[in-house]
């Protein structure tokens, strides 16, 4: 099959189209990756919020229990019970996130909650029974339990921060990689487009201009200059036709010049 101009142009445009599609695939893949990373960052943010609210509940519950032990009124006991319930719910939420990051931290969190709960139930029972409480002993035990609890939460927050940092770093790399690839494909498409346009124009205009010169020479009676066939496409066929015409005209003219 002869490589026609239409075929060459079609192949060139097909290559450009494939590059554009490849660029689109890269962009789509990058967007999907960024979407996944964004979702991961949202999850890390939710985990961080759960840890922070749990820490607030620990502080509020311990403070409320201290006030209940110090004052001993029904209102203070009810406030301590409210914050203990809040701590229970928030710790459960926090444990769900902790299991996804580190099973050991999740176990430590569970242990810290149980220790706090045991201390709470012990002193709440004493308060309800109107028993005397050793404030110094209570404060010492409460400080120890709260310190262990907040330490676990800080360790869990550190793991979440590391995970969030990794997700942010990966997002930055993905964005840079995607932009670089899409920029590279765009440059390649632009270069190929310019090269294809230049090649098509050159492959058509030069031989056509030469044929115009030959046609002018033939019209002036110059039938000796042969026409070189420079390609095998439509232009080449046109050159062959001009050459056959030149040869036919020259042969016919020579016959007319021969004496009869």
C-alpha atoms as a PDB file:
ATOM      1  CA  UNK A   1       0.000   0.000   0.000  1.00  0.00           C
ATOM      2  CA  UNK A   2       1.294   3.432  -0.937  1.00  0.00           C
ATOM      3  CA  UNK A   3       1.789   5.796   2.030  1.00  0.00           C
ATOM      4  CA  UNK A   4      -0.582   8.533   0.895  1.00  0.00           C
ATOM      5  CA  UNK A   5      -0.578  12.023   2.348  1.00  0.00           C
ATOM      6  CA  UNK A   6      -3.909  11.326   4.022  1.00  0.00           C
ATOM      7  CA  UNK A   7      -2.485   8.173   5.586  1.00  0.00           C
ATOM      8  CA  UNK A   8       0.607   9.978   6.855  1.00  0.00           C
ATOM      9  CA  UNK A   9      -1.487  12.786   8.309  1.00  0.00           C
ATOM     10  CA  UNK A  10      -3.868  10.287   9.890  1.00  0.00           C
ATOM     11  CA  UNK A  11      -0.977   8.438  11.520  1.00  0.00           C
ATOM     12  CA  UNK A  12       0.450  11.697  12.818  1.00  0.00           C
ATOM     13  CA  UNK A  13      -2.867  12.800  14.270  1.00  0.00           C
ATOM     14  CA  UNK A  14      -3.381   9.319  15.736  1.00  0.00           C
ATOM     15  CA  UNK A  15      -0.066   9.562  17.568  1.00  0.00           C
ATOM     16  CA  UNK A  16      -1.048  12.999  18.884  1.00  0.00           C
ATOM     17  CA  UNK A  17      -4.459  11.669  19.927  1.00  0.00           C
ATOM     18  CA  UNK A  18      -2.826   8.791  21.791  1.00  0.00           C
ATOM     19  CA  UNK A  19      -0.559  11.226  23.602  1.00  0.00           C
ATOM     20  CA  UNK A  20      -3.537  13.394  24.543  1.00  0.00           C
ATOM     21  CA  UNK A  21      -5.389  10.299  25.808  1.00  0.00           C
ATOM     22  CA  UNK A  22      -2.299   9.244  27.771  1.00  0.00           C
ATOM     23  CA  UNK A  23      -2.125  12.724  29.282  1.00  0.00           C
ATOM     24  CA  UNK A  24      -5.795  12.470  30.226  1.00  0.00           C
ATOM     25  CA  UNK A  25      -5.255   9.044  31.799  1.00  0.00           C
ATOM     26  CA  UNK A  26      -2.340  10.411  33.827  1.00  0.00           C
ATOM     27  CA  UNK A  27      -4.464  13.344  34.959  1.00  0.00           C
ATOM     28  CA  UNK A  28      -7.404  11.087  35.849  1.00  0.00           C
ATOM     29  CA  UNK A  29      -5.139   8.730  37.773  1.00  0.00           C
ATOM     30  CA  UNK A  30      -3.613  11.672  39.604  1.00  0.00           C
ATOM     31  CA  UNK A  31      -7.051  13.016  40.506  1.00  0.00           C
ATOM     32  CA  UNK A  32      -8.138   9.609  41.803  1.00  0.00           C
ATOM     33  CA  UNK A  33      -4.973   9.320  43.868  1.00  0.00           C
ATOM     34  CA  UNK A  34      -5.449  12.827  45.247  1.00  0.00           C
ATOM     35  CA  UNK A  35      -9.051  11.977  46.059  1.00  0.00           C
ATOM     36  CA  UNK A  36      -7.933   8.924  48.021  1.00  0.00           C
ATOM     37  CA  UNK A  37      -5.291  10.950  49.851  1.00  0.00           C
ATOM     38  CA  UNK A  38      -7.833  13.662  50.608  1.00  0.00           C
ATOM     39  CA  UNK A  39     -10.135  11.029  52.066  1.00  0.00           C
ATOM     40  CA  UNK A  40      -7.246   9.687  54.138  1.00  0.00           C
ATOM     41  CA  UNK A  41      -6.473  13.185  55.405  1.00  0.00           C
ATOM     42  CA  UNK A  42     -10.125  13.649  56.324  1.00  0.00           C
ATOM     43  CA  UNK A  43     -10.001  10.381  58.282  1.00  0.00           C
ATOM     44  CA  UNK A  44      -6.825  11.498  60.064  1.00  0.00           C
ATOM     45  CA  UNK A  45      -8.503  14.793  60.917  1.00  0.00           C
ATOM     46  CA  UNK A  46     -11.484  12.944  62.349  1.00  0.00           C
ATOM     47  CA  UNK A  47      -9.157  10.746  64.393  1.00  0.00           C
ATOM     48  CA  UNK A  48      -7.313  13.800  65.683  1.00  0.00           C
ATOM     49  CA  UNK A  49     -10.633  15.401  66.653  1.00  0.00           C
ATOM     50  CA  UNK A  50     -11.723  12.213  68.469  1.00  0.00           C
ATOM     51  CA  UNK A  51      -8.451  12.156  70.426  1.00  0.00           C
ATOM     52  CA  UNK A  52      -8.760  15.827  71.351  1.00  0.00           C
ATOM     53  CA  UNK A  53     -12.380  15.497  72.510  1.00  0.00           C
ATOM     54  CA  UNK A  54     -11.446  12.398  74.529  1.00  0.00           C
ATOM     55  CA  UNK A  55      -8.646  14.294  76.224  1.00  0.00           C
ATOM     56  CA  UNK A  56     -11.062  17.112  77.042  1.00  0.00           C
ATOM     57  CA  UNK A  57     -13.482  14.559  78.495  1.00  0.00           C
ATOM     58  CA  UNK A  58     -10.711  13.044  80.639  1.00  0.00           C
ATOM     59  CA  UNK A  59      -9.832  16.444  82.094  1.00  0.00           C
ATOM     60  CA  UNK A  60     -13.447  17.460  82.593  1.00  0.00           C
ATOM     61  CA  UNK A  61     -14.407  14.110  84.156  1.00  0.00           C
ATOM     62  CA  UNK A  62     -11.429  14.146  86.553  1.00  0.00           C
ATOM     63  CA  UNK A  63     -12.114  17.762  87.528  1.00  0.00           C
ATOM     64  CA  UNK A  64     -15.818  17.045  88.075  1.00  0.00           C
ATOM     65  CA  UNK A  65     -14.992  14.034  90.244  1.00  0.00           C
ATOM     66  CA  UNK A  66     -12.510  16.088  92.253  1.00  0.00           C
ATOM     67  CA  UNK A  67     -15.209  18.724  92.802  1.00  0.00           C
ATOM     68  CA  UNK A  68     -17.656  16.017  93.835  1.00  0.00           C
ATOM     69  CA  UNK A  69     -15.171  14.598  96.330  1.00  0.00           C
ATOM     70  CA  UNK A  70     -14.368  18.069  97.650  1.00  0.00           C
ATOM     71  CA  UNK A  71     -17.928  19.442  97.793  1.00  0.00           C
ATOM     72  CA  UNK A  72     -20.014  16.293  97.872  1.00  0.00           C
ATOM     73  CA  UNK A  73     -23.295  17.815  96.666  1.00  0.00           C
ATOM     74  CA  UNK A  74     -25.772  15.990  94.457  1.00  0.00           C
ATOM     75  CA  UNK A  75     -25.145  18.523  91.687  1.00  0.00           C
ATOM     76  CA  UNK A  76     -21.414  17.875  91.655  1.00  0.00           C
ATOM     77  CA  UNK A  77     -21.958  14.117  91.670  1.00  0.00           C
ATOM     78  CA  UNK A  78     -24.383  14.457  88.745  1.00  0.00           C
ATOM     79  CA  UNK A  79     -21.858  16.590  86.839  1.00  0.00           C
ATOM     80  CA  UNK A  80     -19.169  13.968  87.429  1.00  0.00           C
ATOM     81  CA  UNK A  81     -21.551  11.276  86.174  1.00  0.00           C
ATOM     82  CA  UNK A  82     -22.331  13.313  83.040  1.00  0.00           C
ATOM     83  CA  UNK A  83     -18.670  13.753  82.149  1.00  0.00           C
ATOM     84  CA  UNK A  84     -17.941  10.115  82.903  1.00  0.00           C
ATOM     85  CA  UNK A  85     -20.662   9.142  80.406  1.00  0.00           C
ATOM     86  CA  UNK A  86     -19.172  11.563  77.888  1.00  0.00           C
ATOM     87  CA  UNK A  87     -15.737  10.041  78.430  1.00  0.00           C
ATOM     88  CA  UNK A  88     -17.103   6.554  77.851  1.00  0.00           C
ATOM     89  CA  UNK A  89     -18.668   7.490  74.512  1.00  0.00           C
ATOM     90  CA  UNK A  90     -15.697   9.470  73.275  1.00  0.00           C
ATOM     91  CA  UNK A  91     -13.257   6.758  74.306  1.00  0.00           C
ATOM     92  CA  UNK A  92     -15.248   4.216  72.283  1.00  0.00           C
ATOM     93  CA  UNK A  93     -14.986   6.458  69.212  1.00  0.00           C
ATOM     94  CA  UNK A  94     -11.293   6.949  69.844  1.00  0.00           C
ATOM     95  CA  UNK A  95     -10.702   3.182  70.184  1.00  0.00           C
ATOM     96  CA  UNK A  96     -12.231   2.575  66.746  1.00  0.00           C
ATOM     97  CA  UNK A  97      -9.629   4.866  65.197  1.00  0.00           C
ATOM     98  CA  UNK A  98      -6.858   3.474  67.414  1.00  0.00           C
ATOM     99  CA  UNK A  99      -7.458  -0.093  66.191  1.00  0.00           C
ATOM    100  CA  UNK A 100      -6.750   1.043  62.616  1.00  0.00           C
ATOM    101  CA  UNK A 101      -3.425   2.595  63.591  1.00  0.00           C
ATOM    102  CA  UNK A 102      -1.968   0.464  66.361  1.00  0.00           C
ATOM    103  CA  UNK A 103      -3.555  -2.450  68.224  1.00  0.00           C
ATOM    104  CA  UNK A 104      -1.183  -1.955  71.154  1.00  0.00           C
ATOM    105  CA  UNK A 105      -2.244   1.664  71.563  1.00  0.00           C
ATOM    106  CA  UNK A 106      -5.872   0.598  71.389  1.00  0.00           C
ATOM    107  CA  UNK A 107      -5.254  -1.886  74.196  1.00  0.00           C
ATOM    108  CA  UNK A 108      -3.468   0.737  76.291  1.00  0.00           C
ATOM    109  CA  UNK A 109      -6.391   3.108  75.741  1.00  0.00           C
ATOM    110  CA  UNK A 110      -8.817   0.434  76.890  1.00  0.00           C
ATOM    111  CA  UNK A 111      -6.726  -0.235  79.990  1.00  0.00           C
ATOM    112  CA  UNK A 112      -6.524   3.484  80.829  1.00  0.00           C
ATOM    113  CA  UNK A 113     -10.280   3.838  80.530  1.00  0.00           C
ATOM    114  CA  UNK A 114     -10.907   0.825  82.760  1.00  0.00           C
ATOM    115  CA  UNK A 115      -8.542   2.194  85.395  1.00  0.00           C
ATOM    116  CA  UNK A 116     -10.302   5.562  85.293  1.00  0.00           C
ATOM    117  CA  UNK A 117     -13.694   3.866  85.395  1.00  0.00           C
ATOM    118  CA  UNK A 118     -12.710   1.731  88.403  1.00  0.00           C
ATOM    119  CA  UNK A 119     -11.497   4.831  90.238  1.00  0.00           C
ATOM    120  CA  UNK A 120     -14.660   6.719  89.340  1.00  0.00           C
ATOM    121  CA  UNK A 121     -16.991   3.932  90.454  1.00  0.00           C
ATOM    122  CA  UNK A 122     -15.077   3.471  93.687  1.00  0.00           C
ATOM    123  CA  UNK A 123     -15.297   7.104  94.752  1.00  0.00           C
ATOM    124  CA  UNK A 124     -18.794   7.622  93.390  1.00  0.00           C
ATOM    125  CA  UNK A 125     -19.976   4.746  95.557  1.00  0.00           C
ATOM    126  CA  UNK A 126     -18.302   6.324  98.571  1.00  0.00           C
ATOM    127  CA  UNK A 127     -19.897   9.679  97.814  1.00  0.00           C
ATOM    128  CA  UNK A 128     -23.364   8.169  97.408  1.00  0.00           C
ATOM    129  CA  UNK A 129     -22.908   6.230 100.664  1.00  0.00           C
ATOM    130  CA  UNK A 130     -21.680   9.413 102.368  1.00  0.00           C
ATOM    131  CA  UNK A 131     -18.432   7.795 103.366  1.00  0.00           C
ATOM    132  CA  UNK A 132     -15.348   9.847 104.195  1.00  0.00           C
ATOM    133  CA  UNK A 133     -12.727  10.196 101.476  1.00  0.00           C
ATOM    134  CA  UNK A 134      -8.999  10.680 101.877  1.00  0.00           C
ATOM    135  CA  UNK A 135      -8.474  13.685  99.598  1.00  0.00           C
ATOM    136  CA  UNK A 136      -4.717  13.314  99.401  1.00  0.00           C
ATOM    137  CA  UNK A 137      -4.943   9.649  98.440  1.00  0.00           C
ATOM    138  CA  UNK A 138      -7.677  10.404  95.913  1.00  0.00           C
ATOM    139  CA  UNK A 139      -5.736  13.205  94.242  1.00  0.00           C
ATOM    140  CA  UNK A 140      -2.612  11.082  94.036  1.00  0.00           C
ATOM    141  CA  UNK A 141      -4.457   8.183  92.431  1.00  0.00           C
ATOM    142  CA  UNK A 142      -6.404  10.495  90.118  1.00  0.00           C
ATOM    143  CA  UNK A 143      -3.229  12.250  88.946  1.00  0.00           C
ATOM    144  CA  UNK A 144      -1.650   8.906  88.148  1.00  0.00           C
ATOM    145  CA  UNK A 145      -4.663   7.622  86.217  1.00  0.00           C
ATOM    146  CA  UNK A 146      -5.155  10.883  84.297  1.00  0.00           C
ATOM    147  CA  UNK A 147      -1.443  11.048  83.471  1.00  0.00           C
ATOM    148  CA  UNK A 148      -1.518   7.499  82.059  1.00  0.00           C
ATOM    149  CA  UNK A 149      -4.698   8.272  80.125  1.00  0.00           C
ATOM    150  CA  UNK A 150      -3.379  11.475  78.535  1.00  0.00           C
ATOM    151  CA  UNK A 151      -0.026   9.819  77.765  1.00  0.00           C
ATOM    152  CA  UNK A 152      -1.798   7.138  75.728  1.00  0.00           C
ATOM    153  CA  UNK A 153      -3.823   9.812  73.930  1.00  0.00           C
ATOM    154  CA  UNK A 154      -0.649  11.801  73.182  1.00  0.00           C
ATOM    155  CA  UNK A 155       1.024   8.686  71.764  1.00  0.00           C
ATOM    156  CA  UNK A 156      -2.025   8.006  69.623  1.00  0.00           C
ATOM    157  CA  UNK A 157      -2.036  11.623  68.438  1.00  0.00           C
ATOM    158  CA  UNK A 158       1.632  11.269  67.503  1.00  0.00           C
ATOM    159  CA  UNK A 159       0.812   8.246  65.317  1.00  0.00           C
ATOM    160  CA  UNK A 160      -2.030  10.141  63.670  1.00  0.00           C
ATOM    161  CA  UNK A 161       0.272  13.118  63.027  1.00  0.00           C
ATOM    162  CA  UNK A 162       2.828  10.822  61.390  1.00  0.00           C
ATOM    163  CA  UNK A 163       0.134   9.283  59.204  1.00  0.00           C
ATOM    164  CA  UNK A 164      -1.173  12.727  58.285  1.00  0.00           C
ATOM    165  CA  UNK A 165       2.336  13.920  57.465  1.00  0.00           C
ATOM    166  CA  UNK A 166       2.892  10.904  55.213  1.00  0.00           C
ATOM    167  CA  UNK A 167      -0.430  11.533  53.447  1.00  0.00           C
ATOM    168  CA  UNK A 168       0.441  15.202  52.924  1.00  0.00           C
ATOM    169  CA  UNK A 169       3.882  14.298  51.586  1.00  0.00           C
ATOM    170  CA  UNK A 170       2.391  11.717  49.228  1.00  0.00           C
ATOM    171  CA  UNK A 171      -0.192  14.266  48.084  1.00  0.00           C
ATOM    172  CA  UNK A 172       2.600  16.723  47.286  1.00  0.00           C
ATOM    173  CA  UNK A 173       4.556  14.084  45.364  1.00  0.00           C
ATOM    174  CA  UNK A 174       1.448  13.001  43.467  1.00  0.00           C
ATOM    175  CA  UNK A 175       0.592  16.572  42.525  1.00  0.00           C
ATOM    176  CA  UNK A 176       4.149  17.279  41.358  1.00  0.00           C
ATOM    177  CA  UNK A 177       4.343  14.016  39.420  1.00  0.00           C
ATOM    178  CA  UNK A 178       0.968  14.551  37.757  1.00  0.00           C
ATOM    179  CA  UNK A 179       1.751  18.127  36.766  1.00  0.00           C
ATOM    180  CA  UNK A 180       5.164  17.092  35.428  1.00  0.00           C
ATOM    181  CA  UNK A 181       3.727  14.259  33.333  1.00  0.00           C
ATOM    182  CA  UNK A 182       0.875  16.354  31.985  1.00  0.00           C
ATOM    183  CA  UNK A 183       3.272  19.212  31.232  1.00  0.00           C
ATOM    184  CA  UNK A 184       5.611  16.780  29.467  1.00  0.00           C
ATOM    185  CA  UNK A 185       2.801  15.299  27.392  1.00  0.00           C
ATOM    186  CA  UNK A 186       1.597  18.801  26.491  1.00  0.00           C
ATOM    187  CA  UNK A 187       5.067  19.803  25.312  1.00  0.00           C
ATOM    188  CA  UNK A 188       5.449  16.592  23.303  1.00  0.00           C
ATOM    189  CA  UNK A 189       2.035  17.073  21.673  1.00  0.00           C
ATOM    190  CA  UNK A 190       2.895  20.686  20.832  1.00  0.00           C
ATOM    191  CA  UNK A 191       6.235  19.683  19.317  1.00  0.00           C
ATOM    192  CA  UNK A 192       4.718  16.814  17.348  1.00  0.00           C
ATOM    193  CA  UNK A 193       1.896  19.059  16.147  1.00  0.00           C
ATOM    194  CA  UNK A 194       4.353  21.694  14.937  1.00  0.00           C
ATOM    195  CA  UNK A 195       6.564  19.033  13.335  1.00  0.00           C
ATOM    196  CA  UNK A 196       3.576  17.401  11.622  1.00  0.00           C
ATOM    197  CA  UNK A 197       2.316  20.726  10.284  1.00  0.00           C
ATOM    198  CA  UNK A 198       5.798  21.629   9.021  1.00  0.00           C
ATOM    199  CA  UNK A 199       6.246  18.197   7.421  1.00  0.00           C
ATOM    200  CA  UNK A 200       2.846  18.282   5.677  1.00  0.00           C
ATOM    201  CA  UNK A 201       3.386  21.804   4.374  1.00  0.00           C
ATOM    202  CA  UNK A 202       6.916  20.996   3.191  1.00  0.00           C
ATOM    203  CA  UNK A 203       5.949  17.671   1.593  1.00  0.00           C
ATOM    204  CA  UNK A 204       3.183  19.363  -0.400  1.00  0.00           C
ATOM    205  CA  UNK A 205       4.390  22.862  -1.214  1.00  0.00           C
ATOM    206  CA  UNK A 206       7.927  22.049  -2.404  1.00  0.00           C
ATOM    207  CA  UNK A 207       7.011  19.458  -5.055  1.00  0.00           C
ATOM    208  CA  UNK A 208       3.962  21.491  -6.129  1.00  0.00           C
ATOM    209  CA  UNK A 209       6.142  24.574  -6.531  1.00  0.00           C
ATOM    210  CA  UNK A 210       8.569  22.478  -8.619  1.00  0.00           C
ATOM    211  CA  UNK A 211       5.720  21.224 -10.781  1.00  0.00           C
ATOM    212  CA  UNK A 212       4.559  24.797 -11.333  1.00  0.00           C
ATOM    213  CA  UNK A 213       8.060  25.686 -12.567  1.00  0.00           C
ATOM    214  CA  UNK A 214       8.110  22.649 -14.858  1.00  0.00           C
ATOM    215  CA  UNK A 215       4.666  23.516 -16.217  1.00  0.00           C
ATOM    216  CA  UNK A 216       5.866  27.061 -16.960  1.00  0.00           C
ATOM    217  CA  UNK A 217       8.945  25.674 -18.739  1.00  0.00           C
ATOM    218  CA  UNK A 218       6.799  23.303 -20.770  1.00  0.00           C
ATOM    219  CA  UNK A 219       4.511  26.176 -21.728  1.00  0.00           C
ATOM    220  CA  UNK A 220       7.633  28.018 -22.947  1.00  0.00           C
ATOM    221  CA  UNK A 221       8.666  25.027 -25.042  1.00  0.00           C
ATOM    222  CA  UNK A 222      11.234  23.425 -22.720  1.00  0.00           C
ATOM    223  CA  UNK A 223      10.575  19.706 -22.941  1.00  0.00           C
ATOM    224  CA  UNK A 224      14.065  18.469 -22.121  1.00  0.00           C
ATOM    225  CA  UNK A 225      14.045  18.922 -18.326  1.00  0.00           C
ATOM    226  CA  UNK A 226      12.885  15.685 -16.757  1.00  0.00           C
ATOM    227  CA  UNK A 227      10.692  15.658 -13.666  1.00  0.00           C
ATOM    228  CA  UNK A 228      12.081  13.778 -10.658  1.00  0.00           C
ATOM    229  CA  UNK A 229       9.618  11.628  -8.717  1.00  0.00           C
ATOM    230  CA  UNK A 230      10.336  12.412  -5.082  1.00  0.00           C
ATOM    231  CA  UNK A 231       7.634  10.379  -3.286  1.00  0.00           C
ATOM    232  CA  UNK A 232       5.166   7.561  -3.647  1.00  0.00           C
ATOM    233  CA  UNK A 233       2.075   9.424  -2.533  1.00  0.00           C
ATOM    234  CA  UNK A 234      -0.399  11.557  -4.484  1.00  0.00           C
ATOM    235  CA  UNK A 235       2.297  14.139  -5.196  1.00  0.00           C
ATOM    236  CA  UNK A 236       4.499  11.387  -6.613  1.00  0.00           C
ATOM    237  CA  UNK A 237       1.670  10.235  -8.861  1.00  0.00           C
ATOM    238  CA  UNK A 238       1.193  13.805 -10.059  1.00  0.00           C
ATOM    239  CA  UNK A 239       4.938  14.051 -10.817  1.00  0.00           C
ATOM    240  CA  UNK A 240       4.776  10.805 -12.778  1.00  0.00           C
ATOM    241  CA  UNK A 241       1.797  12.139 -14.752  1.00  0.00           C
ATOM    242  CA  UNK A 242       3.665  15.353 -15.552  1.00  0.00           C
ATOM    243  CA  UNK A 243       6.709  13.346 -16.623  1.00  0.00           C
ATOM    244  CA  UNK A 244       4.601  11.138 -18.916  1.00  0.00           C
ATOM    245  CA  UNK A 245       2.979  14.262 -20.341  1.00  0.00           C
ATOM    246  CA  UNK A 246       6.391  15.863 -20.935  1.00  0.00           C
ATOM    247  CA  UNK A 247       7.712  12.743 -22.642  1.00  0.00           C
ATOM    248  CA  UNK A 248       4.556  12.422 -24.773  1.00  0.00           C
ATOM    249  CA  UNK A 249       4.699  16.070 -25.824  1.00  0.00           C
ATOM    250  CA  UNK A 250       8.386  15.801 -26.654  1.00  0.00           C
ATOM    251  CA  UNK A 251       7.829  12.626 -28.703  1.00  0.00           C
ATOM    252  CA  UNK A 252       4.895  14.166 -30.547  1.00  0.00           C
ATOM    253  CA  UNK A 253       6.885  17.328 -31.280  1.00  0.00           C
ATOM    254  CA  UNK A 254       9.831  15.316 -32.614  1.00  0.00           C
ATOM    255  CA  UNK A 255       7.508  13.403 -34.916  1.00  0.00           C
ATOM    256  CA  UNK A 256       6.084  16.627 -36.251  1.00  0.00           C
ATOM    257  CA  UNK A 257       9.576  17.918 -36.961  1.00  0.00           C
ATOM    258  CA  UNK A 258      10.585  14.856 -39.013  1.00  0.00           C
ATOM    259  CA  UNK A 259      10.343  15.403 -42.785  1.00  0.00           C
ATOM    260  CA  UNK A 260       7.670  13.372 -44.493  1.00  0.00           C
END
